[in-house]
Amino acid sequence: VGPYAGLELQNAILRHTEASRDQDYPP
């Protein structure tokens, strides 16, 4: 709702997560 907005939200979650490896990101 819409499809690109959903992708952008998930990208934003990743960008705002402090992580040094895959396992540090939230599910």
PDB file of all heavy atoms in Angstrom:
ATOM      1  N   VAL A   1       0.822  -1.223   0.000  1.00  0.00           N
ATOM      2  CA  VAL A   1       0.000   0.000   0.000  1.00  0.00           C
ATOM      3  C   VAL A   1       0.857   1.276   0.000  1.00  0.00           C
ATOM      4  O   VAL A   1       0.825   2.035   0.960  1.00  0.00           O
ATOM      5  CB  VAL A   1      -0.951  -0.005   1.222  1.00  0.00           C
ATOM      6  CG1 VAL A   1      -2.103  -0.944   1.029  1.00  0.00           C
ATOM      7  CG2 VAL A   1      -0.215  -0.379   2.517  1.00  0.00           C
ATOM      8  N   GLY A   2       1.564   1.573  -1.070  1.00  0.00           N
ATOM      9  CA  GLY A   2       1.788   0.757  -2.235  1.00  0.00           C
ATOM     10  C   GLY A   2       3.044  -0.114  -2.091  1.00  0.00           C
ATOM     11  O   GLY A   2       3.799  -0.006  -1.121  1.00  0.00           O
ATOM     12  N   PRO A   3       3.307  -0.921  -3.098  1.00  0.00           N
ATOM     13  CA  PRO A   3       4.406  -1.861  -3.069  1.00  0.00           C
ATOM     14  C   PRO A   3       5.776  -1.201  -2.853  1.00  0.00           C
ATOM     15  O   PRO A   3       6.595  -1.708  -2.086  1.00  0.00           O
ATOM     16  CB  PRO A   3       4.320  -2.533  -4.438  1.00  0.00           C
ATOM     17  CG  PRO A   3       2.883  -2.404  -4.832  1.00  0.00           C
ATOM     18  CD  PRO A   3       2.457  -1.079  -4.291  1.00  0.00           C
ATOM     19  N   TYR A   4       6.024  -0.081  -3.525  1.00  0.00           N
ATOM     20  CA  TYR A   4       7.313   0.591  -3.361  1.00  0.00           C
ATOM     21  C   TYR A   4       7.455   1.180  -1.958  1.00  0.00           C
ATOM     22  O   TYR A   4       8.558   1.231  -1.405  1.00  0.00           O
ATOM     23  CB  TYR A   4       7.482   1.691  -4.409  1.00  0.00           C
ATOM     24  CG  TYR A   4       7.755   1.164  -5.801  1.00  0.00           C
ATOM     25  CD1 TYR A   4       6.771   1.227  -6.788  1.00  0.00           C
ATOM     26  CD2 TYR A   4       8.986   0.612  -6.137  1.00  0.00           C
ATOM     27  CE1 TYR A   4       7.013   0.735  -8.066  1.00  0.00           C
ATOM     28  CE2 TYR A   4       9.232   0.122  -7.406  1.00  0.00           C
ATOM     29  CZ  TYR A   4       8.248   0.188  -8.377  1.00  0.00           C
ATOM     30  OH  TYR A   4       8.500  -0.294  -9.635  1.00  0.00           O
ATOM     31  N   ALA A   5       6.352   1.628  -1.382  1.00  0.00           N
ATOM     32  CA  ALA A   5       6.398   2.171  -0.020  1.00  0.00           C
ATOM     33  C   ALA A   5       6.797   1.088   0.974  1.00  0.00           C
ATOM     34  O   ALA A   5       7.543   1.348   1.927  1.00  0.00           O
ATOM     35  CB  ALA A   5       5.042   2.761   0.358  1.00  0.00           C
ATOM     36  N   GLY A   6       6.307  -0.128   0.754  1.00  0.00           N
ATOM     37  CA  GLY A   6       6.685  -1.231   1.625  1.00  0.00           C
ATOM     38  C   GLY A   6       8.171  -1.529   1.549  1.00  0.00           C
ATOM     39  O   GLY A   6       8.838  -1.758   2.568  1.00  0.00           O
ATOM     40  N   LEU A   7       8.722  -1.503   0.327  1.00  0.00           N
ATOM     41  CA  LEU A   7      10.156  -1.718   0.153  1.00  0.00           C
ATOM     42  C   LEU A   7      10.955  -0.604   0.812  1.00  0.00           C
ATOM     43  O   LEU A   7      11.983  -0.851   1.449  1.00  0.00           O
ATOM     44  CB  LEU A   7      10.498  -1.787  -1.339  1.00  0.00           C
ATOM     45  CG  LEU A   7      10.043  -3.034  -2.089  1.00  0.00           C
ATOM     46  CD1 LEU A   7      10.339  -2.891  -3.576  1.00  0.00           C
ATOM     47  CD2 LEU A   7      10.727  -4.278  -1.540  1.00  0.00           C
ATOM     48  N   GLU A   8      10.490   0.628   0.661  1.00  0.00           N
ATOM     49  CA  GLU A   8      11.198   1.761   1.243  1.00  0.00           C
ATOM     50  C   GLU A   8      11.201   1.688   2.763  1.00  0.00           C
ATOM     51  O   GLU A   8      12.210   2.018   3.404  1.00  0.00           O
ATOM     52  CB  GLU A   8      10.565   3.075   0.783  1.00  0.00           C
ATOM     53  CG  GLU A   8      11.233   4.326   1.347  1.00  0.00           C
ATOM     54  CD  GLU A   8      12.727   4.394   1.066  1.00  0.00           C
ATOM     55  OE1 GLU A   8      13.169   3.917   0.004  1.00  0.00           O
ATOM     56  OE2 GLU A   8      13.460   4.923   1.939  1.00  0.00           O
ATOM     57  N   LEU A   9      10.092   1.243   3.350  1.00  0.00           N
ATOM     58  CA  LEU A   9      10.056   1.106   4.804  1.00  0.00           C
ATOM     59  C   LEU A   9      11.066   0.064   5.271  1.00  0.00           C
ATOM     60  O   LEU A   9      11.800   0.292   6.236  1.00  0.00           O
ATOM     61  CB  LEU A   9       8.650   0.725   5.269  1.00  0.00           C
ATOM     62  CG  LEU A   9       8.506   0.450   6.776  1.00  0.00           C
ATOM     63  CD1 LEU A   9       8.996   1.635   7.606  1.00  0.00           C
ATOM     64  CD2 LEU A   9       7.062   0.109   7.134  1.00  0.00           C
ATOM     65  N   GLN A  10      11.129  -1.073   4.577  1.00  0.00           N
ATOM     66  CA  GLN A  10      12.086  -2.089   4.997  1.00  0.00           C
ATOM     67  C   GLN A  10      13.520  -1.585   4.814  1.00  0.00           C
ATOM     68  O   GLN A  10      14.393  -1.830   5.662  1.00  0.00           O
ATOM     69  CB  GLN A  10      11.881  -3.391   4.219  1.00  0.00           C
ATOM     70  CG  GLN A  10      12.762  -4.522   4.740  1.00  0.00           C
ATOM     71  CD  GLN A  10      12.223  -5.904   4.410  1.00  0.00           C
ATOM     72  OE1 GLN A  10      11.129  -6.041   3.878  1.00  0.00           O
ATOM     73  NE2 GLN A  10      12.976  -6.931   4.724  1.00  0.00           N
ATOM     74  N   ASN A  11      13.777  -0.862   3.727  1.00  0.00           N
ATOM     75  CA  ASN A  11      15.098  -0.269   3.531  1.00  0.00           C
ATOM     76  C   ASN A  11      15.431   0.709   4.650  1.00  0.00           C
ATOM     77  O   ASN A  11      16.569   0.764   5.135  1.00  0.00           O
ATOM     78  CB  ASN A  11      15.169   0.440   2.187  1.00  0.00           C
ATOM     79  CG  ASN A  11      15.380  -0.519   1.025  1.00  0.00           C
ATOM     80  OD1 ASN A  11      16.013  -1.557   1.192  1.00  0.00           O
ATOM     81  ND2 ASN A  11      14.862  -0.178  -0.140  1.00  0.00           N
ATOM     82  N   ALA A  12      14.439   1.502   5.068  1.00  0.00           N
ATOM     83  CA  ALA A  12      14.661   2.478   6.137  1.00  0.00           C
ATOM     84  C   ALA A  12      15.001   1.780   7.452  1.00  0.00           C
ATOM     85  O   ALA A  12      15.858   2.246   8.211  1.00  0.00           O
ATOM     86  CB  ALA A  12      13.427   3.364   6.301  1.00  0.00           C
ATOM     87  N   ILE A  13      14.317   0.669   7.714  1.00  0.00           N
ATOM     88  CA  ILE A  13      14.612  -0.101   8.931  1.00  0.00           C
ATOM     89  C   ILE A  13      16.062  -0.564   8.916  1.00  0.00           C
ATOM     90  O   ILE A  13      16.792  -0.458   9.913  1.00  0.00           O
ATOM     91  CB  ILE A  13      13.652  -1.297   9.063  1.00  0.00           C
ATOM     92  CG1 ILE A  13      12.222  -0.804   9.336  1.00  0.00           C
ATOM     93  CG2 ILE A  13      14.107  -2.246  10.171  1.00  0.00           C
ATOM     94  CD1 ILE A  13      11.168  -1.890   9.214  1.00  0.00           C
ATOM     95  N   LEU A  14      16.517  -1.046   7.763  1.00  0.00           N
ATOM     96  CA  LEU A  14      17.895  -1.516   7.649  1.00  0.00           C
ATOM     97  C   LEU A  14      18.884  -0.360   7.790  1.00  0.00           C
ATOM     98  O   LEU A  14      19.898  -0.475   8.489  1.00  0.00           O
ATOM     99  CB  LEU A  14      18.105  -2.219   6.306  1.00  0.00           C
ATOM    100  CG  LEU A  14      17.274  -3.483   6.055  1.00  0.00           C
ATOM    101  CD1 LEU A  14      17.568  -4.042   4.671  1.00  0.00           C
ATOM    102  CD2 LEU A  14      17.537  -4.528   7.122  1.00  0.00           C
ATOM    103  N   ARG A  15      18.567   0.763   7.137  1.00  0.00           N
ATOM    104  CA  ARG A  15      19.490   1.906   7.177  1.00  0.00           C
ATOM    105  C   ARG A  15      19.650   2.466   8.580  1.00  0.00           C
ATOM    106  O   ARG A  15      20.704   3.004   8.923  1.00  0.00           O
ATOM    107  CB  ARG A  15      19.003   3.021   6.246  1.00  0.00           C
ATOM    108  CG  ARG A  15      19.126   2.721   4.764  1.00  0.00           C
ATOM    109  CD  ARG A  15      18.999   3.986   3.932  1.00  0.00           C
ATOM    110  NE  ARG A  15      17.778   4.711   4.208  1.00  0.00           N
ATOM    111  CZ  ARG A  15      16.634   4.533   3.559  1.00  0.00           C
ATOM    112  NH1 ARG A  15      16.571   3.621   2.592  1.00  0.00           N
ATOM    113  NH2 ARG A  15      15.564   5.235   3.847  1.00  0.00           N
ATOM    114  N   HIS A  16      18.603   2.374   9.392  1.00  0.00           N
ATOM    115  CA  HIS A  16      18.641   2.962  10.728  1.00  0.00           C
ATOM    116  C   HIS A  16      18.999   1.949  11.817  1.00  0.00           C
ATOM    117  O   HIS A  16      18.872   2.240  13.004  1.00  0.00           O
ATOM    118  CB  HIS A  16      17.295   3.621  11.047  1.00  0.00           C
ATOM    119  CG  HIS A  16      17.065   4.876  10.270  1.00  0.00           C
ATOM    120  ND1 HIS A  16      16.522   4.871   9.007  1.00  0.00           N
ATOM    121  CD2 HIS A  16      17.324   6.174  10.558  1.00  0.00           C
ATOM    122  CE1 HIS A  16      16.441   6.121   8.556  1.00  0.00           C
ATOM    123  NE2 HIS A  16      16.928   6.920   9.479  1.00  0.00           N
ATOM    124  N   THR A  17      19.444   0.780  11.395  1.00  0.00           N
ATOM    125  CA  THR A  17      19.898  -0.228  12.346  1.00  0.00           C
ATOM    126  C   THR A  17      21.422  -0.221  12.414  1.00  0.00           C
ATOM    127  O   THR A  17      22.089  -0.264  11.380  1.00  0.00           O
ATOM    128  CB  THR A  17      19.429  -1.639  11.923  1.00  0.00           C
ATOM    129  OG1 THR A  17      17.993  -1.672  11.901  1.00  0.00           O
ATOM    130  CG2 THR A  17      19.931  -2.694  12.893  1.00  0.00           C
ATOM    131  N   GLU A  18      21.962  -0.128  13.610  1.00  0.00           N
ATOM    132  CA  GLU A  18      23.408  -0.227  13.791  1.00  0.00           C
ATOM    133  C   GLU A  18      23.781  -1.702  13.783  1.00  0.00           C
ATOM    134  O   GLU A  18      23.408  -2.459  14.678  1.00  0.00           O
ATOM    135  CB  GLU A  18      23.830   0.435  15.104  1.00  0.00           C
ATOM    136  CG  GLU A  18      23.618   1.942  15.132  1.00  0.00           C
ATOM    137  CD  GLU A  18      24.141   2.566  16.404  1.00  0.00           C
ATOM    138  OE1 GLU A  18      24.789   1.843  17.192  1.00  0.00           O
ATOM    139  OE2 GLU A  18      23.919   3.773  16.599  1.00  0.00           O
ATOM    140  N   ALA A  19      24.494  -2.104  12.757  1.00  0.00           N
ATOM    141  CA  ALA A  19      24.811  -3.518  12.593  1.00  0.00           C
ATOM    142  C   ALA A  19      26.187  -3.680  11.966  1.00  0.00           C
ATOM    143  O   ALA A  19      26.613  -2.853  11.150  1.00  0.00           O
ATOM    144  CB  ALA A  19      23.762  -4.197  11.729  1.00  0.00           C
ATOM    145  N   SER A  20      26.859  -4.738  12.311  1.00  0.00           N
ATOM    146  CA  SER A  20      28.158  -5.051  11.722  1.00  0.00           C
ATOM    147  C   SER A  20      28.143  -6.411  11.020  1.00  0.00           C
ATOM    148  O   SER A  20      29.116  -6.799  10.395  1.00  0.00           O
ATOM    149  CB  SER A  20      29.245  -5.042  12.801  1.00  0.00           C
ATOM    150  OG  SER A  20      28.932  -5.948  13.849  1.00  0.00           O
ATOM    151  N   ARG A  21      27.000  -7.107  11.125  1.00  0.00           N
ATOM    152  CA  ARG A  21      26.872  -8.415  10.480  1.00  0.00           C
ATOM    153  C   ARG A  21      25.394  -8.694  10.260  1.00  0.00           C
ATOM    154  O   ARG A  21      24.525  -8.025  10.823  1.00  0.00           O
ATOM    155  CB  ARG A  21      27.496  -9.508  11.338  1.00  0.00           C
ATOM    156  CG  ARG A  21      26.896  -9.577  12.739  1.00  0.00           C
ATOM    157  CD  ARG A  21      27.487 -10.662  13.588  1.00  0.00           C
ATOM    158  NE  ARG A  21      26.772 -10.758  14.861  1.00  0.00           N
ATOM    159  CZ  ARG A  21      26.748 -11.850  15.606  1.00  0.00           C
ATOM    160  NH1 ARG A  21      27.388 -12.935  15.208  1.00  0.00           N
ATOM    161  NH2 ARG A  21      26.075 -11.853  16.746  1.00  0.00           N
ATOM    162  N   ASP A  22      25.092  -9.685   9.437  1.00  0.00           N
ATOM    163  CA  ASP A  22      23.704 -10.021   9.113  1.00  0.00           C
ATOM    164  C   ASP A  22      22.859 -10.230  10.363  1.00  0.00           C
ATOM    165  O   ASP A  22      21.714  -9.764  10.444  1.00  0.00           O
ATOM    166  CB  ASP A  22      23.642 -11.304   8.270  1.00  0.00           C
ATOM    167  CG  ASP A  22      24.206 -11.134   6.879  1.00  0.00           C
ATOM    168  OD1 ASP A  22      24.392  -9.981   6.459  1.00  0.00           O
ATOM    169  OD2 ASP A  22      24.459 -12.158   6.223  1.00  0.00           O
ATOM    170  N   GLN A  23      23.438 -10.926  11.332  1.00  0.00           N
ATOM    171  CA  GLN A  23      22.675 -11.343  12.507  1.00  0.00           C
ATOM    172  C   GLN A  23      22.280 -10.180  13.413  1.00  0.00           C
ATOM    173  O   GLN A  23      21.466 -10.347  14.324  1.00  0.00           O
ATOM    174  CB  GLN A  23      23.477 -12.376  13.309  1.00  0.00           C
ATOM    175  CG  GLN A  23      23.630 -13.718  12.621  1.00  0.00           C
ATOM    176  CD  GLN A  23      24.660 -13.677  11.494  1.00  0.00           C
ATOM    177  OE1 GLN A  23      25.513 -12.783  11.446  1.00  0.00           O
ATOM    178  NE2 GLN A  23      24.559 -14.640  10.581  1.00  0.00           N
ATOM    179  N   ASP A  24      22.836  -8.993  13.176  1.00  0.00           N
ATOM    180  CA  ASP A  24      22.523  -7.834  14.007  1.00  0.00           C
ATOM    181  C   ASP A  24      21.231  -7.131  13.587  1.00  0.00           C
ATOM    182  O   ASP A  24      20.708  -6.302  14.334  1.00  0.00           O
ATOM    183  CB  ASP A  24      23.668  -6.810  13.958  1.00  0.00           C
ATOM    184  CG  ASP A  24      24.939  -7.343  14.599  1.00  0.00           C
ATOM    185  OD1 ASP A  24      24.833  -8.221  15.471  1.00  0.00           O
ATOM    186  OD2 ASP A  24      26.029  -6.880  14.217  1.00  0.00           O
ATOM    187  N   TYR A  25      20.731  -7.461  12.408  1.00  0.00           N
ATOM    188  CA  TYR A  25      19.523  -6.783  11.911  1.00  0.00           C
ATOM    189  C   TYR A  25      18.267  -7.401  12.511  1.00  0.00           C
ATOM    190  O   TYR A  25      18.231  -8.595  12.811  1.00  0.00           O
ATOM    191  CB  TYR A  25      19.459  -6.863  10.382  1.00  0.00           C
ATOM    192  CG  TYR A  25      20.494  -6.007   9.706  1.00  0.00           C
ATOM    193  CD1 TYR A  25      21.713  -6.538   9.315  1.00  0.00           C
ATOM    194  CD2 TYR A  25      20.252  -4.659   9.480  1.00  0.00           C
ATOM    195  CE1 TYR A  25      22.675  -5.752   8.703  1.00  0.00           C
ATOM    196  CE2 TYR A  25      21.209  -3.864   8.861  1.00  0.00           C
ATOM    197  CZ  TYR A  25      22.416  -4.413   8.477  1.00  0.00           C
ATOM    198  OH  TYR A  25      23.367  -3.626   7.889  1.00  0.00           O
ATOM    199  N   PRO A  26      17.212  -6.587  12.701  1.00  0.00           N
ATOM    200  CA  PRO A  26      15.979  -7.122  13.290  1.00  0.00           C
ATOM    201  C   PRO A  26      15.218  -7.996  12.299  1.00  0.00           C
ATOM    202  O   PRO A  26      15.309  -7.787  11.081  1.00  0.00           O
ATOM    203  CB  PRO A  26      15.179  -5.852  13.609  1.00  0.00           C
ATOM    204  CG  PRO A  26      15.645  -4.861  12.590  1.00  0.00           C
ATOM    205  CD  PRO A  26      17.105  -5.143  12.398  1.00  0.00           C
ATOM    206  N   PRO A  27      14.477  -8.963  12.797  1.00  0.00           N
ATOM    207  CA  PRO A  27      13.650  -9.784  11.910  1.00  0.00           C
ATOM    208  C   PRO A  27      12.469  -8.963  11.378  1.00  0.00           C
ATOM    209  O   PRO A  27      11.790  -8.279  12.142  1.00  0.00           O
ATOM    210  CB  PRO A  27      13.172 -10.922  12.817  1.00  0.00           C
ATOM    211  CG  PRO A  27      13.241 -10.364  14.210  1.00  0.00           C
ATOM    212  CD  PRO A  27      14.380  -9.396  14.213  1.00  0.00           C
TER     213      PRO A  27
END
